[in-house]
Amino acid sequence: FLAACSLDLDAAVDCYGAFVVGEVPENFPMAVRPIVDL
């Protein structure tokens, strides 16, 4: 989803991608943020 919002692509498939929306749990091991704003 991030790539499709950042690059000029022709199709994208999101298979159960976490944290496109929704709050990231505390102490989650990876530095990610929701990107629905894209």
PDB file of all heavy atoms in Angstrom:
ATOM      1  N   PHE A   1       0.834  -1.198   0.000  1.00  0.00           N
ATOM      2  CA  PHE A   1       0.000   0.000   0.000  1.00  0.00           C
ATOM      3  C   PHE A   1       0.869   1.248   0.000  1.00  0.00           C
ATOM      4  O   PHE A   1       0.619   2.207  -0.754  1.00  0.00           O
ATOM      5  CB  PHE A   1      -0.934  -0.014   1.211  1.00  0.00           C
ATOM      6  CG  PHE A   1      -1.845   1.175   1.305  1.00  0.00           C
ATOM      7  CD1 PHE A   1      -3.023   1.212   0.572  1.00  0.00           C
ATOM      8  CD2 PHE A   1      -1.533   2.242   2.115  1.00  0.00           C
ATOM      9  CE1 PHE A   1      -3.876   2.319   0.650  1.00  0.00           C
ATOM     10  CE2 PHE A   1      -2.364   3.354   2.198  1.00  0.00           C
ATOM     11  CZ  PHE A   1      -3.543   3.388   1.466  1.00  0.00           C
ATOM     12  N   LEU A   2       1.912   1.247   0.842  1.00  0.00           N
ATOM     13  CA  LEU A   2       2.824   2.387   0.911  1.00  0.00           C
ATOM     14  C   LEU A   2       3.470   2.653  -0.446  1.00  0.00           C
ATOM     15  O   LEU A   2       3.535   3.806  -0.910  1.00  0.00           O
ATOM     16  CB  LEU A   2       3.905   2.108   1.958  1.00  0.00           C
ATOM     17  CG  LEU A   2       5.069   3.099   2.033  1.00  0.00           C
ATOM     18  CD1 LEU A   2       4.580   4.479   2.466  1.00  0.00           C
ATOM     19  CD2 LEU A   2       6.143   2.581   2.998  1.00  0.00           C
ATOM     20  N   ALA A   3       3.954   1.596  -1.097  1.00  0.00           N
ATOM     21  CA  ALA A   3       4.589   1.762  -2.400  1.00  0.00           C
ATOM     22  C   ALA A   3       3.603   2.316  -3.422  1.00  0.00           C
ATOM     23  O   ALA A   3       3.944   3.183  -4.235  1.00  0.00           O
ATOM     24  CB  ALA A   3       5.162   0.429  -2.877  1.00  0.00           C
ATOM     25  N   ALA A   4       2.366   1.819  -3.382  1.00  0.00           N
ATOM     26  CA  ALA A   4       1.356   2.262  -4.342  1.00  0.00           C
ATOM     27  C   ALA A   4       0.943   3.711  -4.107  1.00  0.00           C
ATOM     28  O   ALA A   4       0.418   4.358  -5.012  1.00  0.00           O
ATOM     29  CB  ALA A   4       0.141   1.344  -4.281  1.00  0.00           C
ATOM     30  N   CYS A   5       1.153   4.207  -2.897  1.00  0.00           N
ATOM     31  CA  CYS A   5       0.862   5.610  -2.593  1.00  0.00           C
ATOM     32  C   CYS A   5       2.073   6.509  -2.825  1.00  0.00           C
ATOM     33  O   CYS A   5       1.951   7.743  -2.737  1.00  0.00           O
ATOM     34  CB  CYS A   5       0.403   5.753  -1.138  1.00  0.00           C
ATOM     35  SG  CYS A   5      -1.199   5.010  -0.778  1.00  0.00           S
ATOM     36  N   SER A   6       3.219   5.916  -3.110  1.00  0.00           N
ATOM     37  CA  SER A   6       4.464   6.678  -3.234  1.00  0.00           C
ATOM     38  C   SER A   6       5.061   6.624  -4.631  1.00  0.00           C
ATOM     39  O   SER A   6       5.892   7.473  -4.984  1.00  0.00           O
ATOM     40  CB  SER A   6       5.502   6.146  -2.235  1.00  0.00           C
ATOM     41  OG  SER A   6       4.998   6.122  -0.923  1.00  0.00           O
ATOM     42  N   LEU A   7       4.680   5.611  -5.422  1.00  0.00           N
ATOM     43  CA  LEU A   7       5.235   5.397  -6.751  1.00  0.00           C
ATOM     44  C   LEU A   7       4.106   5.314  -7.770  1.00  0.00           C
ATOM     45  O   LEU A   7       2.953   5.083  -7.410  1.00  0.00           O
ATOM     46  CB  LEU A   7       6.044   4.094  -6.777  1.00  0.00           C
ATOM     47  CG  LEU A   7       7.194   3.972  -5.783  1.00  0.00           C
ATOM     48  CD1 LEU A   7       7.728   2.540  -5.780  1.00  0.00           C
ATOM     49  CD2 LEU A   7       8.301   4.962  -6.105  1.00  0.00           C
ATOM     50  N   ASP A   8       4.457   5.472  -9.026  1.00  0.00           N
ATOM     51  CA  ASP A   8       3.480   5.349 -10.109  1.00  0.00           C
ATOM     52  C   ASP A   8       3.406   3.885 -10.527  1.00  0.00           C
ATOM     53  O   ASP A   8       4.232   3.406 -11.300  1.00  0.00           O
ATOM     54  CB  ASP A   8       3.905   6.231 -11.286  1.00  0.00           C
ATOM     55  CG  ASP A   8       2.866   6.258 -12.394  1.00  0.00           C
ATOM     56  OD1 ASP A   8       1.722   5.825 -12.136  1.00  0.00           O
ATOM     57  OD2 ASP A   8       3.195   6.711 -13.502  1.00  0.00           O
ATOM     58  N   LEU A   9       2.419   3.162  -9.987  1.00  0.00           N
ATOM     59  CA  LEU A   9       2.254   1.735 -10.263  1.00  0.00           C
ATOM     60  C   LEU A   9       0.944   1.499 -11.013  1.00  0.00           C
ATOM     61  O   LEU A   9       0.108   2.399 -11.126  1.00  0.00           O
ATOM     62  CB  LEU A   9       2.274   0.940  -8.953  1.00  0.00           C
ATOM     63  CG  LEU A   9       3.562   1.037  -8.124  1.00  0.00           C
ATOM     64  CD1 LEU A   9       3.379   0.301  -6.796  1.00  0.00           C
ATOM     65  CD2 LEU A   9       4.744   0.477  -8.895  1.00  0.00           C
ATOM     66  N   ASP A  10       0.782   0.268 -11.494  1.00  0.00           N
ATOM     67  CA  ASP A  10      -0.408  -0.074 -12.268  1.00  0.00           C
ATOM     68  C   ASP A  10      -1.404  -0.936 -11.506  1.00  0.00           C
ATOM     69  O   ASP A  10      -2.570  -1.026 -11.899  1.00  0.00           O
ATOM     70  CB  ASP A  10       0.014  -0.796 -13.551  1.00  0.00           C
ATOM     71  CG  ASP A  10       0.862   0.108 -14.442  1.00  0.00           C
ATOM     72  OD1 ASP A  10       0.298   1.042 -15.043  1.00  0.00           O
ATOM     73  OD2 ASP A  10       2.084  -0.109 -14.518  1.00  0.00           O
ATOM     74  N   ALA A  11      -0.964  -1.591 -10.430  1.00  0.00           N
ATOM     75  CA  ALA A  11      -1.845  -2.426  -9.610  1.00  0.00           C
ATOM     76  C   ALA A  11      -1.129  -2.716  -8.301  1.00  0.00           C
ATOM     77  O   ALA A  11       0.104  -2.727  -8.247  1.00  0.00           O
ATOM     78  CB  ALA A  11      -2.188  -3.732 -10.320  1.00  0.00           C
ATOM     79  N   ALA A  12      -1.895  -2.970  -7.254  1.00  0.00           N
ATOM     80  CA  ALA A  12      -1.314  -3.338  -5.965  1.00  0.00           C
ATOM     81  C   ALA A  12      -2.230  -4.331  -5.266  1.00  0.00           C
ATOM     82  O   ALA A  12      -3.452  -4.284  -5.444  1.00  0.00           O
ATOM     83  CB  ALA A  12      -1.099  -2.110  -5.081  1.00  0.00           C
ATOM     84  N   VAL A  13      -1.612  -5.221  -4.492  1.00  0.00           N
ATOM     85  CA  VAL A  13      -2.359  -6.187  -3.690  1.00  0.00           C
ATOM     86  C   VAL A  13      -1.847  -6.115  -2.258  1.00  0.00           C
ATOM     87  O   VAL A  13      -0.629  -6.204  -2.015  1.00  0.00           O
ATOM     88  CB  VAL A  13      -2.202  -7.625  -4.223  1.00  0.00           C
ATOM     89  CG1 VAL A  13      -3.026  -8.588  -3.372  1.00  0.00           C
ATOM     90  CG2 VAL A  13      -2.624  -7.717  -5.686  1.00  0.00           C
ATOM     91  N   ASP A  14      -2.770  -5.946  -1.328  1.00  0.00           N
ATOM     92  CA  ASP A  14      -2.474  -5.918   0.105  1.00  0.00           C
ATOM     93  C   ASP A  14      -3.072  -7.170   0.725  1.00  0.00           C
ATOM     94  O   ASP A  14      -4.290  -7.293   0.828  1.00  0.00           O
ATOM     95  CB  ASP A  14      -3.078  -4.650   0.719  1.00  0.00           C
ATOM     96  CG  ASP A  14      -3.069  -4.652   2.251  1.00  0.00           C
ATOM     97  OD1 ASP A  14      -2.507  -5.579   2.866  1.00  0.00           O
ATOM     98  OD2 ASP A  14      -3.655  -3.704   2.826  1.00  0.00           O
ATOM     99  N   CYS A  15      -2.199  -8.109   1.126  1.00  0.00           N
ATOM    100  CA  CYS A  15      -2.641  -9.309   1.822  1.00  0.00           C
ATOM    101  C   CYS A  15      -2.452  -9.108   3.315  1.00  0.00           C
ATOM    102  O   CYS A  15      -1.331  -9.136   3.813  1.00  0.00           O
ATOM    103  CB  CYS A  15      -1.854 -10.527   1.336  1.00  0.00           C
ATOM    104  SG  CYS A  15      -2.067 -10.888  -0.417  1.00  0.00           S
ATOM    105  N   TYR A  16      -3.551  -8.832   4.000  1.00  0.00           N
ATOM    106  CA  TYR A  16      -3.613  -8.630   5.451  1.00  0.00           C
ATOM    107  C   TYR A  16      -2.479  -7.765   6.001  1.00  0.00           C
ATOM    108  O   TYR A  16      -1.804  -8.111   6.973  1.00  0.00           O
ATOM    109  CB  TYR A  16      -3.700  -9.968   6.201  1.00  0.00           C
ATOM    110  CG  TYR A  16      -2.876 -11.130   5.658  1.00  0.00           C
ATOM    111  CD1 TYR A  16      -1.521 -11.265   5.925  1.00  0.00           C
ATOM    112  CD2 TYR A  16      -3.496 -12.121   4.888  1.00  0.00           C
ATOM    113  CE1 TYR A  16      -0.790 -12.340   5.447  1.00  0.00           C
ATOM    114  CE2 TYR A  16      -2.767 -13.193   4.390  1.00  0.00           C
ATOM    115  CZ  TYR A  16      -1.417 -13.296   4.673  1.00  0.00           C
ATOM    116  OH  TYR A  16      -0.700 -14.363   4.191  1.00  0.00           O
ATOM    117  N   GLY A  17      -2.332  -6.585   5.395  1.00  0.00           N
ATOM    118  CA  GLY A  17      -1.286  -5.664   5.854  1.00  0.00           C
ATOM    119  C   GLY A  17      -1.679  -4.966   7.147  1.00  0.00           C
ATOM    120  O   GLY A  17      -2.704  -4.293   7.232  1.00  0.00           O
ATOM    121  N   ALA A  18      -0.851  -5.139   8.170  1.00  0.00           N
ATOM    122  CA  ALA A  18      -1.112  -4.522   9.472  1.00  0.00           C
ATOM    123  C   ALA A  18      -0.641  -3.071   9.497  1.00  0.00           C
ATOM    124  O   ALA A  18       0.353  -2.718   8.868  1.00  0.00           O
ATOM    125  CB  ALA A  18      -0.392  -5.305  10.566  1.00  0.00           C
ATOM    126  N   PHE A  19      -1.389  -2.244  10.215  1.00  0.00           N
ATOM    127  CA  PHE A  19      -1.019  -0.865  10.527  1.00  0.00           C
ATOM    128  C   PHE A  19      -1.046   0.073   9.324  1.00  0.00           C
ATOM    129  O   PHE A  19      -0.365   1.089   9.324  1.00  0.00           O
ATOM    130  CB  PHE A  19       0.328  -0.795  11.254  1.00  0.00           C
ATOM    131  CG  PHE A  19       0.397  -1.700  12.447  1.00  0.00           C
ATOM    132  CD1 PHE A  19       1.412  -2.631  12.575  1.00  0.00           C
ATOM    133  CD2 PHE A  19      -0.588  -1.657  13.430  1.00  0.00           C
ATOM    134  CE1 PHE A  19       1.466  -3.482  13.657  1.00  0.00           C
ATOM    135  CE2 PHE A  19      -0.548  -2.501  14.524  1.00  0.00           C
ATOM    136  CZ  PHE A  19       0.479  -3.425  14.639  1.00  0.00           C
ATOM    137  N   VAL A  20      -1.829  -0.280   8.303  1.00  0.00           N
ATOM    138  CA  VAL A  20      -2.215   0.751   7.343  1.00  0.00           C
ATOM    139  C   VAL A  20      -3.132   1.722   8.079  1.00  0.00           C
ATOM    140  O   VAL A  20      -3.035   2.945   7.925  1.00  0.00           O
ATOM    141  CB  VAL A  20      -2.922   0.144   6.122  1.00  0.00           C
ATOM    142  CG1 VAL A  20      -3.436   1.242   5.191  1.00  0.00           C
ATOM    143  CG2 VAL A  20      -1.974  -0.787   5.366  1.00  0.00           C
ATOM    144  N   VAL A  21      -4.012   1.162   8.896  1.00  0.00           N
ATOM    145  CA  VAL A  21      -4.822   1.939   9.835  1.00  0.00           C
ATOM    146  C   VAL A  21      -4.661   1.306  11.211  1.00  0.00           C
ATOM    147  O   VAL A  21      -4.146   0.196  11.344  1.00  0.00           O
ATOM    148  CB  VAL A  21      -6.317   1.963   9.433  1.00  0.00           C
ATOM    149  CG1 VAL A  21      -6.496   2.577   8.060  1.00  0.00           C
ATOM    150  CG2 VAL A  21      -6.901   0.566   9.455  1.00  0.00           C
ATOM    151  N   GLY A  22      -5.103   2.004  12.234  1.00  0.00           N
ATOM    152  CA  GLY A  22      -5.066   1.443  13.585  1.00  0.00           C
ATOM    153  C   GLY A  22      -3.814   1.861  14.347  1.00  0.00           C
ATOM    154  O   GLY A  22      -2.752   2.093  13.757  1.00  0.00           O
ATOM    155  N   GLU A  23      -3.952   1.964  15.642  1.00  0.00           N
ATOM    156  CA  GLU A  23      -2.834   2.355  16.489  1.00  0.00           C
ATOM    157  C   GLU A  23      -1.857   1.200  16.663  1.00  0.00           C
ATOM    158  O   GLU A  23      -2.262   0.042  16.811  1.00  0.00           O
ATOM    159  CB  GLU A  23      -3.341   2.825  17.850  1.00  0.00           C
ATOM    160  CG  GLU A  23      -4.146   4.118  17.795  1.00  0.00           C
ATOM    161  CD  GLU A  23      -3.374   5.264  17.177  1.00  0.00           C
ATOM    162  OE1 GLU A  23      -2.180   5.420  17.535  1.00  0.00           O
ATOM    163  OE2 GLU A  23      -3.922   5.983  16.326  1.00  0.00           O
ATOM    164  N   VAL A  24      -0.592   1.520  16.682  1.00  0.00           N
ATOM    165  CA  VAL A  24       0.450   0.520  16.904  1.00  0.00           C
ATOM    166  C   VAL A  24       0.557   0.260  18.415  1.00  0.00           C
ATOM    167  O   VAL A  24       0.619   1.204  19.206  1.00  0.00           O
ATOM    168  CB  VAL A  24       1.798   1.016  16.352  1.00  0.00           C
ATOM    169  CG1 VAL A  24       2.890  -0.016  16.579  1.00  0.00           C
ATOM    170  CG2 VAL A  24       1.677   1.343  14.869  1.00  0.00           C
ATOM    171  N   PRO A  25       0.549  -1.006  18.857  1.00  0.00           N
ATOM    172  CA  PRO A  25       0.617  -1.299  20.294  1.00  0.00           C
ATOM    173  C   PRO A  25       1.899  -0.755  20.936  1.00  0.00           C
ATOM    174  O   PRO A  25       2.936  -0.632  20.276  1.00  0.00           O
ATOM    175  CB  PRO A  25       0.599  -2.834  20.343  1.00  0.00           C
ATOM    176  CG  PRO A  25       0.036  -3.260  19.038  1.00  0.00           C
ATOM    177  CD  PRO A  25       0.445  -2.230  18.044  1.00  0.00           C
ATOM    178  N   GLU A  26       1.805  -0.421  22.208  1.00  0.00           N
ATOM    179  CA  GLU A  26       2.994  -0.003  22.943  1.00  0.00           C
ATOM    180  C   GLU A  26       4.026  -1.127  22.945  1.00  0.00           C
ATOM    181  O   GLU A  26       3.678  -2.307  22.978  1.00  0.00           O
ATOM    182  CB  GLU A  26       2.634   0.357  24.387  1.00  0.00           C
ATOM    183  CG  GLU A  26       1.879   1.668  24.522  1.00  0.00           C
ATOM    184  CD  GLU A  26       1.731   2.073  25.979  1.00  0.00           C
ATOM    185  OE1 GLU A  26       2.659   1.813  26.760  1.00  0.00           O
ATOM    186  OE2 GLU A  26       0.677   2.641  26.312  1.00  0.00           O
ATOM    187  N   ASN A  27       5.282  -0.736  22.900  1.00  0.00           N
ATOM    188  CA  ASN A  27       6.407  -1.683  22.922  1.00  0.00           C
ATOM    189  C   ASN A  27       6.458  -2.569  21.674  1.00  0.00           C
ATOM    190  O   ASN A  27       7.096  -3.618  21.688  1.00  0.00           O
ATOM    191  CB  ASN A  27       6.366  -2.565  24.174  1.00  0.00           C
ATOM    192  CG  ASN A  27       6.401  -1.746  25.455  1.00  0.00           C
ATOM    193  OD1 ASN A  27       7.153  -0.784  25.549  1.00  0.00           O
ATOM    194  ND2 ASN A  27       5.575  -2.118  26.418  1.00  0.00           N
ATOM    195  N   PHE A  28       5.773  -2.158  20.609  1.00  0.00           N
ATOM    196  CA  PHE A  28       5.863  -2.907  19.356  1.00  0.00           C
ATOM    197  C   PHE A  28       7.303  -2.820  18.849  1.00  0.00           C
ATOM    198  O   PHE A  28       7.914  -1.745  18.895  1.00  0.00           O
ATOM    199  CB  PHE A  28       4.891  -2.328  18.329  1.00  0.00           C
ATOM    200  CG  PHE A  28       4.726  -3.177  17.105  1.00  0.00           C
ATOM    201  CD1 PHE A  28       4.064  -4.392  17.164  1.00  0.00           C
ATOM    202  CD2 PHE A  28       5.232  -2.765  15.878  1.00  0.00           C
ATOM    203  CE1 PHE A  28       3.902  -5.181  16.036  1.00  0.00           C
ATOM    204  CE2 PHE A  28       5.081  -3.545  14.740  1.00  0.00           C
ATOM    205  CZ  PHE A  28       4.417  -4.763  14.823  1.00  0.00           C
ATOM    206  N   PRO A  29       7.881  -3.944  18.397  1.00  0.00           N
ATOM    207  CA  PRO A  29       9.318  -3.953  18.103  1.00  0.00           C
ATOM    208  C   PRO A  29       9.738  -3.179  16.864  1.00  0.00           C
ATOM    209  O   PRO A  29      10.935  -2.965  16.659  1.00  0.00           O
ATOM    210  CB  PRO A  29       9.623  -5.446  17.923  1.00  0.00           C
ATOM    211  CG  PRO A  29       8.319  -6.062  17.522  1.00  0.00           C
ATOM    212  CD  PRO A  29       7.282  -5.282  18.263  1.00  0.00           C
ATOM    213  N   MET A  30       8.786  -2.739  16.039  1.00  0.00           N
ATOM    214  CA  MET A  30       9.168  -2.033  14.811  1.00  0.00           C
ATOM    215  C   MET A  30       8.604  -0.619  14.809  1.00  0.00           C
ATOM    216  O   MET A  30       7.513  -0.373  15.319  1.00  0.00           O
ATOM    217  CB  MET A  30       8.683  -2.804  13.586  1.00  0.00           C
ATOM    218  CG  MET A  30       9.392  -4.130  13.402  1.00  0.00           C
ATOM    219  SD  MET A  30       8.859  -5.014  11.923  1.00  0.00           S
ATOM    220  CE  MET A  30       7.197  -5.486  12.390  1.00  0.00           C
ATOM    221  N   ALA A  31       9.375   0.291  14.246  1.00  0.00           N
ATOM    222  CA  ALA A  31       8.992   1.700  14.217  1.00  0.00           C
ATOM    223  C   ALA A  31       8.102   1.966  13.012  1.00  0.00           C
ATOM    224  O   ALA A  31       8.563   2.431  11.958  1.00  0.00           O
ATOM    225  CB  ALA A  31      10.238   2.574  14.159  1.00  0.00           C
ATOM    226  N   VAL A  32       6.823   1.632  13.139  1.00  0.00           N
ATOM    227  CA  VAL A  32       5.861   1.858  12.062  1.00  0.00           C
ATOM    228  C   VAL A  32       4.780   2.803  12.549  1.00  0.00           C
ATOM    229  O   VAL A  32       4.574   2.982  13.747  1.00  0.00           O
ATOM    230  CB  VAL A  32       5.226   0.537  11.580  1.00  0.00           C
ATOM    231  CG1 VAL A  32       6.270  -0.377  10.982  1.00  0.00           C
ATOM    232  CG2 VAL A  32       4.483  -0.165  12.716  1.00  0.00           C
ATOM    233  N   ARG A  33       4.086   3.387  11.597  1.00  0.00           N
ATOM    234  CA  ARG A  33       2.952   4.264  11.907  1.00  0.00           C
ATOM    235  C   ARG A  33       1.839   3.981  10.915  1.00  0.00           C
ATOM    236  O   ARG A  33       2.088   3.467   9.816  1.00  0.00           O
ATOM    237  CB  ARG A  33       3.371   5.729  11.828  1.00  0.00           C
ATOM    238  CG  ARG A  33       3.638   6.211  10.404  1.00  0.00           C
ATOM    239  CD  ARG A  33       3.749   7.726  10.333  1.00  0.00           C
ATOM    240  NE  ARG A  33       3.875   8.200   8.952  1.00  0.00           N
ATOM    241  CZ  ARG A  33       2.847   8.478   8.152  1.00  0.00           C
ATOM    242  NH1 ARG A  33       1.600   8.305   8.587  1.00  0.00           N
ATOM    243  NH2 ARG A  33       3.036   8.919   6.918  1.00  0.00           N
ATOM    244  N   PRO A  34       0.594   4.309  11.275  1.00  0.00           N
ATOM    245  CA  PRO A  34      -0.493   4.166  10.307  1.00  0.00           C
ATOM    246  C   PRO A  34      -0.248   5.075   9.104  1.00  0.00           C
ATOM    247  O   PRO A  34       0.297   6.177   9.242  1.00  0.00           O
ATOM    248  CB  PRO A  34      -1.730   4.599  11.089  1.00  0.00           C
ATOM    249  CG  PRO A  34      -1.347   4.476  12.532  1.00  0.00           C
ATOM    250  CD  PRO A  34       0.117   4.761  12.589  1.00  0.00           C
ATOM    251  N   ILE A  35      -0.654   4.622   7.919  1.00  0.00           N
ATOM    252  CA  ILE A  35      -0.409   5.395   6.697  1.00  0.00           C
ATOM    253  C   ILE A  35      -1.685   5.628   5.898  1.00  0.00           C
ATOM    254  O   ILE A  35      -1.627   5.936   4.706  1.00  0.00           O
ATOM    255  CB  ILE A  35       0.662   4.704   5.823  1.00  0.00           C
ATOM    256  CG1 ILE A  35       0.303   3.241   5.540  1.00  0.00           C
ATOM    257  CG2 ILE A  35       2.035   4.822   6.469  1.00  0.00           C
ATOM    258  CD1 ILE A  35       1.253   2.545   4.567  1.00  0.00           C
ATOM    259  N   VAL A  36      -2.835   5.504   6.544  1.00  0.00           N
ATOM    260  CA  VAL A  36      -4.092   5.719   5.842  1.00  0.00           C
ATOM    261  C   VAL A  36      -4.173   7.142   5.300  1.00  0.00           C
ATOM    262  O   VAL A  36      -4.879   7.403   4.315  1.00  0.00           O
ATOM    263  CB  VAL A  36      -5.291   5.394   6.753  1.00  0.00           C
ATOM    264  CG1 VAL A  36      -5.395   6.389   7.907  1.00  0.00           C
ATOM    265  CG2 VAL A  36      -6.584   5.324   5.944  1.00  0.00           C
ATOM    266  N   ASP A  37      -3.426   8.068   5.901  1.00  0.00           N
ATOM    267  CA  ASP A  37      -3.426   9.450   5.432  1.00  0.00           C
ATOM    268  C   ASP A  37      -2.839   9.594   4.024  1.00  0.00           C
ATOM    269  O   ASP A  37      -3.019  10.619   3.375  1.00  0.00           O
ATOM    270  CB  ASP A  37      -2.653  10.344   6.398  1.00  0.00           C
ATOM    271  CG  ASP A  37      -1.199   9.919   6.566  1.00  0.00           C
ATOM    272  OD1 ASP A  37      -0.969   8.774   6.991  1.00  0.00           O
ATOM    273  OD2 ASP A  37      -0.288  10.728   6.271  1.00  0.00           O
ATOM    274  N   LEU A  38      -2.150   8.550   3.551  1.00  0.00           N
ATOM    275  CA  LEU A  38      -1.581   8.581   2.202  1.00  0.00           C
ATOM    276  C   LEU A  38      -2.589   8.175   1.129  1.00  0.00           C
ATOM    277  O   LEU A  38      -2.284   8.247  -0.064  1.00  0.00           O
ATOM    278  CB  LEU A  38      -0.379   7.636   2.124  1.00  0.00           C
ATOM    279  CG  LEU A  38       0.801   7.940   3.046  1.00  0.00           C
ATOM    280  CD1 LEU A  38       1.903   6.891   2.844  1.00  0.00           C
ATOM    281  CD2 LEU A  38       1.342   9.336   2.804  1.00  0.00           C
TER     282      LEU A  38
END
